Amino acid sequence: MAALTHREGEVMSIVLEIPENIVEKLRQKALSEEKSLEEISLEALLVQAGSEDPETQADIHLSLSEKYLREAEGLLAKEDWVQASEKGWGAASQILKAVAAKRGRRLRSHGEPNEYLDELCEETKDPELDKLWGLATSLHQNFYEAWLPPRSVKRRVEDVKRFVEKLSGVLGHRT
C-alpha cells in the first residue's frame, strides 16, 4: 500500500507499508554503505523507474541535503544535539554526493567522499571546504559518541550551512 501524504514543488512524500524483514535488510545495507535508509530506498526506486541519470541522482542528493539541513535546525530548536549532529552530517554528505552525481560520479565507499572532497578543494582552490568538511564529519562522530557541547553542535551546523552554500554554488544552485 502506498499513500500520498504531501506534495511540495517537485518533491512528493508517500507512505509505504514494507515488511519488517525488508526494512531490516535495507537498514543493514544503508549502514554498511554509510547511507540513510531514505537514500538507499530512493536509489532502489530510481533503479526500478529507470531514472539513474546523473541529473536525477544530483537532484535527489540536493533535495536530501536541504531536507536534512531543515531537520537539523528543527532539532537544534528542540535541543536534541545528537540527532541534530547526524542531520547536519547528512546535509553535508548529501551535497557532496550531489556534486559528484552531477558529474557522473557515485561515492560508494567510506573513503570516496574524503578523496572527492580533496579533489574539489584542488579544483575550486578553496581550502575552507576541507575545514568545513572536517567539522561536518565531527558531527557524525558526535552522533555516536555525544561528546560535543551544545554550543559546538550549533556552530558546526552553521558551518555545514556554509559548506552546503559553497557546494550549491559549484552545482550552479543557490540555497
C-alpha atoms as a PDB file:
ATOM      1  CA  MET A   1       0.000   0.000   0.000  1.00  0.00           C
ATOM      2  CA  ALA A   2       1.231   3.494  -0.821  1.00  0.00           C
ATOM      3  CA  ALA A   3      -0.465   6.701   0.215  1.00  0.00           C
ATOM      4  CA  LEU A   4       0.361  10.201  -0.978  1.00  0.00           C
ATOM      5  CA  THR A   5       0.888  12.385   2.080  1.00  0.00           C
ATOM      6  CA  HIS A   6       2.499  15.605   0.890  1.00  0.00           C
ATOM      7  CA  ARG A   7       3.480  17.445  -2.266  1.00  0.00           C
ATOM      8  CA  GLU A   8       5.992  20.305  -2.203  1.00  0.00           C
ATOM      9  CA  GLY A   9       7.223  21.633  -5.530  1.00  0.00           C
ATOM     10  CA  GLU A  10       8.831  18.731  -7.336  1.00  0.00           C
ATOM     11  CA  VAL A  11       9.079  16.526  -4.221  1.00  0.00           C
ATOM     12  CA  MET A  12       6.303  14.193  -3.176  1.00  0.00           C
ATOM     13  CA  SER A  13       6.150  12.280   0.067  1.00  0.00           C
ATOM     14  CA  ILE A  14       4.450   8.905   0.212  1.00  0.00           C
ATOM     15  CA  VAL A  15       3.902   6.358   2.933  1.00  0.00           C
ATOM     16  CA  LEU A  16       4.745   2.767   2.057  1.00  0.00           C
ATOM     17  CA  GLU A  17       3.970  -0.298   4.094  1.00  0.00           C
ATOM     18  CA  ILE A  18       7.042  -2.503   3.830  1.00  0.00           C
ATOM     19  CA  PRO A  19       7.516  -5.859   5.587  1.00  0.00           C
ATOM     20  CA  GLU A  20       9.816  -5.604   8.586  1.00  0.00           C
ATOM     21  CA  ASN A  21      12.342  -8.102   7.207  1.00  0.00           C
ATOM     22  CA  ILE A  22      12.770  -5.996   4.025  1.00  0.00           C
ATOM     23  CA  VAL A  23      13.202  -2.809   6.055  1.00  0.00           C
ATOM     24  CA  GLU A  24      15.847  -4.561   8.155  1.00  0.00           C
ATOM     25  CA  LYS A  25      17.744  -5.656   5.021  1.00  0.00           C
ATOM     26  CA  LEU A  26      17.597  -2.097   3.686  1.00  0.00           C
ATOM     27  CA  ARG A  27      18.727  -0.748   7.068  1.00  0.00           C
ATOM     28  CA  GLN A  28      21.728  -3.125   7.093  1.00  0.00           C
ATOM     29  CA  LYS A  29      22.654  -2.139   3.527  1.00  0.00           C
ATOM     30  CA  ALA A  30      22.344   1.534   4.430  1.00  0.00           C
ATOM     31  CA  LEU A  31      24.545   1.042   7.478  1.00  0.00           C
ATOM     32  CA  SER A  32      27.208  -0.851   5.527  1.00  0.00           C
ATOM     33  CA  GLU A  33      27.315   1.894   2.890  1.00  0.00           C
ATOM     34  CA  GLU A  34      27.072   4.767   5.403  1.00  0.00           C
ATOM     35  CA  LYS A  35      23.827   5.967   3.840  1.00  0.00           C
ATOM     36  CA  SER A  36      20.468   6.813   5.287  1.00  0.00           C
ATOM     37  CA  LEU A  37      17.584   4.386   4.939  1.00  0.00           C
ATOM     38  CA  GLU A  38      15.894   7.084   2.897  1.00  0.00           C
ATOM     39  CA  GLU A  39      18.828   7.344   0.484  1.00  0.00           C
ATOM     40  CA  ILE A  40      19.065   3.568  -0.006  1.00  0.00           C
ATOM     41  CA  SER A  41      15.315   3.352  -0.604  1.00  0.00           C
ATOM     42  CA  LEU A  42      15.360   6.205  -3.137  1.00  0.00           C
ATOM     43  CA  GLU A  43      18.237   4.556  -5.003  1.00  0.00           C
ATOM     44  CA  ALA A  44      16.240   1.324  -5.261  1.00  0.00           C
ATOM     45  CA  LEU A  45      13.212   3.213  -6.552  1.00  0.00           C
ATOM     46  CA  LEU A  46      15.330   5.010  -9.154  1.00  0.00           C
ATOM     47  CA  VAL A  47      16.624   1.703 -10.484  1.00  0.00           C
ATOM     48  CA  GLN A  48      13.070   0.439 -10.840  1.00  0.00           C
ATOM     49  CA  ALA A  49      11.979   3.665 -12.537  1.00  0.00           C
ATOM     50  CA  GLY A  50      14.962   3.570 -14.891  1.00  0.00           C
ATOM     51  CA  SER A  51      15.987   7.041 -13.737  1.00  0.00           C
ATOM     52  CA  GLU A  52      19.609   6.612 -12.815  1.00  0.00           C
ATOM     53  CA  ASP A  53      20.912   9.521 -14.882  1.00  0.00           C
ATOM     54  CA  PRO A  54      23.390  11.921 -13.242  1.00  0.00           C
ATOM     55  CA  GLU A  55      20.971  14.860 -13.188  1.00  0.00           C
ATOM     56  CA  THR A  56      18.282  12.882 -11.350  1.00  0.00           C
ATOM     57  CA  GLN A  57      20.831  11.493  -8.903  1.00  0.00           C
ATOM     58  CA  ALA A  58      22.139  15.010  -8.214  1.00  0.00           C
ATOM     59  CA  ASP A  59      18.602  16.329  -7.681  1.00  0.00           C
ATOM     60  CA  ILE A  60      17.865  13.589  -5.141  1.00  0.00           C
ATOM     61  CA  HIS A  61      21.053  14.251  -3.180  1.00  0.00           C
ATOM     62  CA  LEU A  62      20.426  18.008  -3.260  1.00  0.00           C
ATOM     63  CA  SER A  63      16.871  17.507  -2.039  1.00  0.00           C
ATOM     64  CA  LEU A  64      18.060  15.247   0.795  1.00  0.00           C
ATOM     65  CA  SER A  65      20.740  17.771   1.767  1.00  0.00           C
ATOM     66  CA  GLU A  66      18.182  20.564   2.017  1.00  0.00           C
ATOM     67  CA  LYS A  67      15.778  18.328   3.947  1.00  0.00           C
ATOM     68  CA  TYR A  68      18.442  17.213   6.436  1.00  0.00           C
ATOM     69  CA  LEU A  69      19.557  20.805   6.997  1.00  0.00           C
ATOM     70  CA  ARG A  70      15.971  21.853   7.810  1.00  0.00           C
ATOM     71  CA  GLU A  71      15.647  18.890  10.154  1.00  0.00           C
ATOM     72  CA  ALA A  72      18.955  19.762  11.856  1.00  0.00           C
ATOM     73  CA  GLU A  73      17.695  23.285  12.532  1.00  0.00           C
ATOM     74  CA  GLY A  74      14.449  21.924  13.978  1.00  0.00           C
ATOM     75  CA  LEU A  75      16.359  19.506  16.200  1.00  0.00           C
ATOM     76  CA  LEU A  76      18.618  22.317  17.437  1.00  0.00           C
ATOM     77  CA  ALA A  77      15.494  24.227  18.452  1.00  0.00           C
ATOM     78  CA  LYS A  78      14.393  21.148  20.417  1.00  0.00           C
ATOM     79  CA  GLU A  79      17.885  20.875  21.951  1.00  0.00           C
ATOM     80  CA  ASP A  80      18.335  17.371  20.529  1.00  0.00           C
ATOM     81  CA  TRP A  81      22.067  17.793  19.979  1.00  0.00           C
ATOM     82  CA  VAL A  82      22.800  14.205  18.971  1.00  0.00           C
ATOM     83  CA  GLN A  83      20.107  13.967  16.291  1.00  0.00           C
ATOM     84  CA  ALA A  84      20.894  17.496  15.077  1.00  0.00           C
ATOM     85  CA  SER A  85      24.503  16.362  14.688  1.00  0.00           C
ATOM     86  CA  GLU A  86      23.544  13.451  12.464  1.00  0.00           C
ATOM     87  CA  LYS A  87      21.221  15.552  10.321  1.00  0.00           C
ATOM     88  CA  GLY A  88      23.958  18.168   9.924  1.00  0.00           C
ATOM     89  CA  TRP A  89      26.376  15.461   8.802  1.00  0.00           C
ATOM     90  CA  GLY A  90      23.728  14.104   6.458  1.00  0.00           C
ATOM     91  CA  ALA A  91      23.245  17.519   4.850  1.00  0.00           C
ATOM     92  CA  ALA A  92      26.992  17.834   4.217  1.00  0.00           C
ATOM     93  CA  SER A  93      27.427  14.331   2.826  1.00  0.00           C
ATOM     94  CA  GLN A  94      24.381  14.657   0.566  1.00  0.00           C
ATOM     95  CA  ILE A  95      25.510  17.937  -1.003  1.00  0.00           C
ATOM     96  CA  LEU A  96      28.927  16.392  -1.690  1.00  0.00           C
ATOM     97  CA  LYS A  97      27.195  13.399  -3.309  1.00  0.00           C
ATOM     98  CA  ALA A  98      25.065  15.819  -5.352  1.00  0.00           C
ATOM     99  CA  VAL A  99      28.152  17.480  -6.827  1.00  0.00           C
ATOM    100  CA  ALA A 100      29.715  14.100  -7.586  1.00  0.00           C
ATOM    101  CA  ALA A 101      26.489  12.747  -9.103  1.00  0.00           C
ATOM    102  CA  LYS A 102      26.048  15.802 -11.339  1.00  0.00           C
ATOM    103  CA  ARG A 103      29.460  14.981 -12.750  1.00  0.00           C
ATOM    104  CA  GLY A 104      28.564  11.329 -13.292  1.00  0.00           C
ATOM    105  CA  ARG A 105      30.412  10.008 -10.266  1.00  0.00           C
ATOM    106  CA  ARG A 106      28.979   7.963  -7.400  1.00  0.00           C
ATOM    107  CA  LEU A 107      30.592   7.981  -3.962  1.00  0.00           C
ATOM    108  CA  ARG A 108      30.187   4.472  -2.573  1.00  0.00           C
ATOM    109  CA  SER A 109      32.934   3.525  -0.124  1.00  0.00           C
ATOM    110  CA  HIS A 110      33.762   5.201   3.179  1.00  0.00           C
ATOM    111  CA  GLY A 111      36.907   6.802   1.748  1.00  0.00           C
ATOM    112  CA  GLU A 112      35.494   8.070  -1.533  1.00  0.00           C
ATOM    113  CA  PRO A 113      33.784  11.189  -0.111  1.00  0.00           C
ATOM    114  CA  ASN A 114      37.052  12.278   1.504  1.00  0.00           C
ATOM    115  CA  GLU A 115      39.002  11.676  -1.711  1.00  0.00           C
ATOM    116  CA  TYR A 116      36.402  13.531  -3.745  1.00  0.00           C
ATOM    117  CA  LEU A 117      36.360  16.450  -1.318  1.00  0.00           C
ATOM    118  CA  ASP A 118      40.146  16.664  -1.668  1.00  0.00           C
ATOM    119  CA  GLU A 119      39.731  16.866  -5.454  1.00  0.00           C
ATOM    120  CA  LEU A 120      37.113  19.617  -5.076  1.00  0.00           C
ATOM    121  CA  CYS A 121      39.423  21.622  -2.811  1.00  0.00           C
ATOM    122  CA  GLU A 122      42.101  21.493  -5.502  1.00  0.00           C
ATOM    123  CA  GLU A 123      39.662  22.303  -8.302  1.00  0.00           C
ATOM    124  CA  THR A 124      37.986  25.216  -6.527  1.00  0.00           C
ATOM    125  CA  LYS A 125      41.159  26.439  -4.798  1.00  0.00           C
ATOM    126  CA  ASP A 126      39.013  26.726  -1.664  1.00  0.00           C
ATOM    127  CA  PRO A 127      40.788  25.211   1.363  1.00  0.00           C
ATOM    128  CA  GLU A 128      37.859  26.188   3.571  1.00  0.00           C
ATOM    129  CA  LEU A 129      35.895  23.291   2.053  1.00  0.00           C
ATOM    130  CA  ASP A 130      38.281  20.875   3.759  1.00  0.00           C
ATOM    131  CA  LYS A 131      37.885  22.604   7.130  1.00  0.00           C
ATOM    132  CA  LEU A 132      34.089  22.694   6.855  1.00  0.00           C
ATOM    133  CA  TRP A 133      34.010  19.027   5.824  1.00  0.00           C
ATOM    134  CA  GLY A 134      36.116  18.153   8.876  1.00  0.00           C
ATOM    135  CA  LEU A 135      33.641  19.949  11.139  1.00  0.00           C
ATOM    136  CA  ALA A 136      30.757  18.109   9.461  1.00  0.00           C
ATOM    137  CA  THR A 137      32.424  14.736   9.999  1.00  0.00           C
ATOM    138  CA  SER A 138      32.869  15.597  13.673  1.00  0.00           C
ATOM    139  CA  LEU A 139      29.077  15.914  13.842  1.00  0.00           C
ATOM    140  CA  HIS A 140      28.806  12.360  12.507  1.00  0.00           C
ATOM    141  CA  GLN A 141      31.158  11.196  15.255  1.00  0.00           C
ATOM    142  CA  ASN A 142      29.128  13.123  17.811  1.00  0.00           C
ATOM    143  CA  PHE A 143      26.039  11.160  16.775  1.00  0.00           C
ATOM    144  CA  TYR A 144      27.754   8.009  18.061  1.00  0.00           C
ATOM    145  CA  GLU A 145      29.678   9.450  20.994  1.00  0.00           C
ATOM    146  CA  ALA A 146      27.729  12.537  22.133  1.00  0.00           C
ATOM    147  CA  TRP A 147      30.879  14.375  23.221  1.00  0.00           C
ATOM    148  CA  LEU A 148      30.292  17.834  21.720  1.00  0.00           C
ATOM    149  CA  PRO A 149      28.836  20.579  23.917  1.00  0.00           C
ATOM    150  CA  PRO A 150      25.586  22.122  22.629  1.00  0.00           C
ATOM    151  CA  ARG A 151      27.206  25.398  21.505  1.00  0.00           C
ATOM    152  CA  SER A 152      29.715  23.433  19.423  1.00  0.00           C
ATOM    153  CA  VAL A 153      26.912  21.495  17.751  1.00  0.00           C
ATOM    154  CA  LYS A 154      25.150  24.780  16.931  1.00  0.00           C
ATOM    155  CA  ARG A 155      28.323  26.307  15.473  1.00  0.00           C
ATOM    156  CA  ARG A 156      29.086  23.211  13.427  1.00  0.00           C
ATOM    157  CA  VAL A 157      25.591  23.061  11.989  1.00  0.00           C
ATOM    158  CA  GLU A 158      26.144  26.693  10.924  1.00  0.00           C
ATOM    159  CA  ASP A 159      29.434  25.571   9.355  1.00  0.00           C
ATOM    160  CA  VAL A 160      27.533  22.862   7.479  1.00  0.00           C
ATOM    161  CA  LYS A 161      25.210  25.573   6.121  1.00  0.00           C
ATOM    162  CA  ARG A 162      28.269  27.376   4.701  1.00  0.00           C
ATOM    163  CA  PHE A 163      29.527  24.088   3.237  1.00  0.00           C
ATOM    164  CA  VAL A 164      26.144  23.446   1.604  1.00  0.00           C
ATOM    165  CA  GLU A 165      26.053  27.002   0.223  1.00  0.00           C
ATOM    166  CA  LYS A 166      29.537  26.657  -1.227  1.00  0.00           C
ATOM    167  CA  LEU A 167      28.834  23.322  -2.894  1.00  0.00           C
ATOM    168  CA  SER A 168      25.428  24.519  -4.089  1.00  0.00           C
ATOM    169  CA  GLY A 169      27.385  27.217  -5.904  1.00  0.00           C
ATOM    170  CA  VAL A 170      29.571  24.533  -7.506  1.00  0.00           C
ATOM    171  CA  LEU A 171      26.333  22.857  -8.637  1.00  0.00           C
ATOM    172  CA  GLY A 172      25.052  26.149 -10.003  1.00  0.00           C
ATOM    173  CA  HIS A 173      22.197  26.076  -7.483  1.00  0.00           C
ATOM    174  CA  ARG A 174      21.694  28.704  -4.804  1.00  0.00           C
ATOM    175  CA  THR A 175      20.133  27.756  -1.452  1.00  0.00           C
END
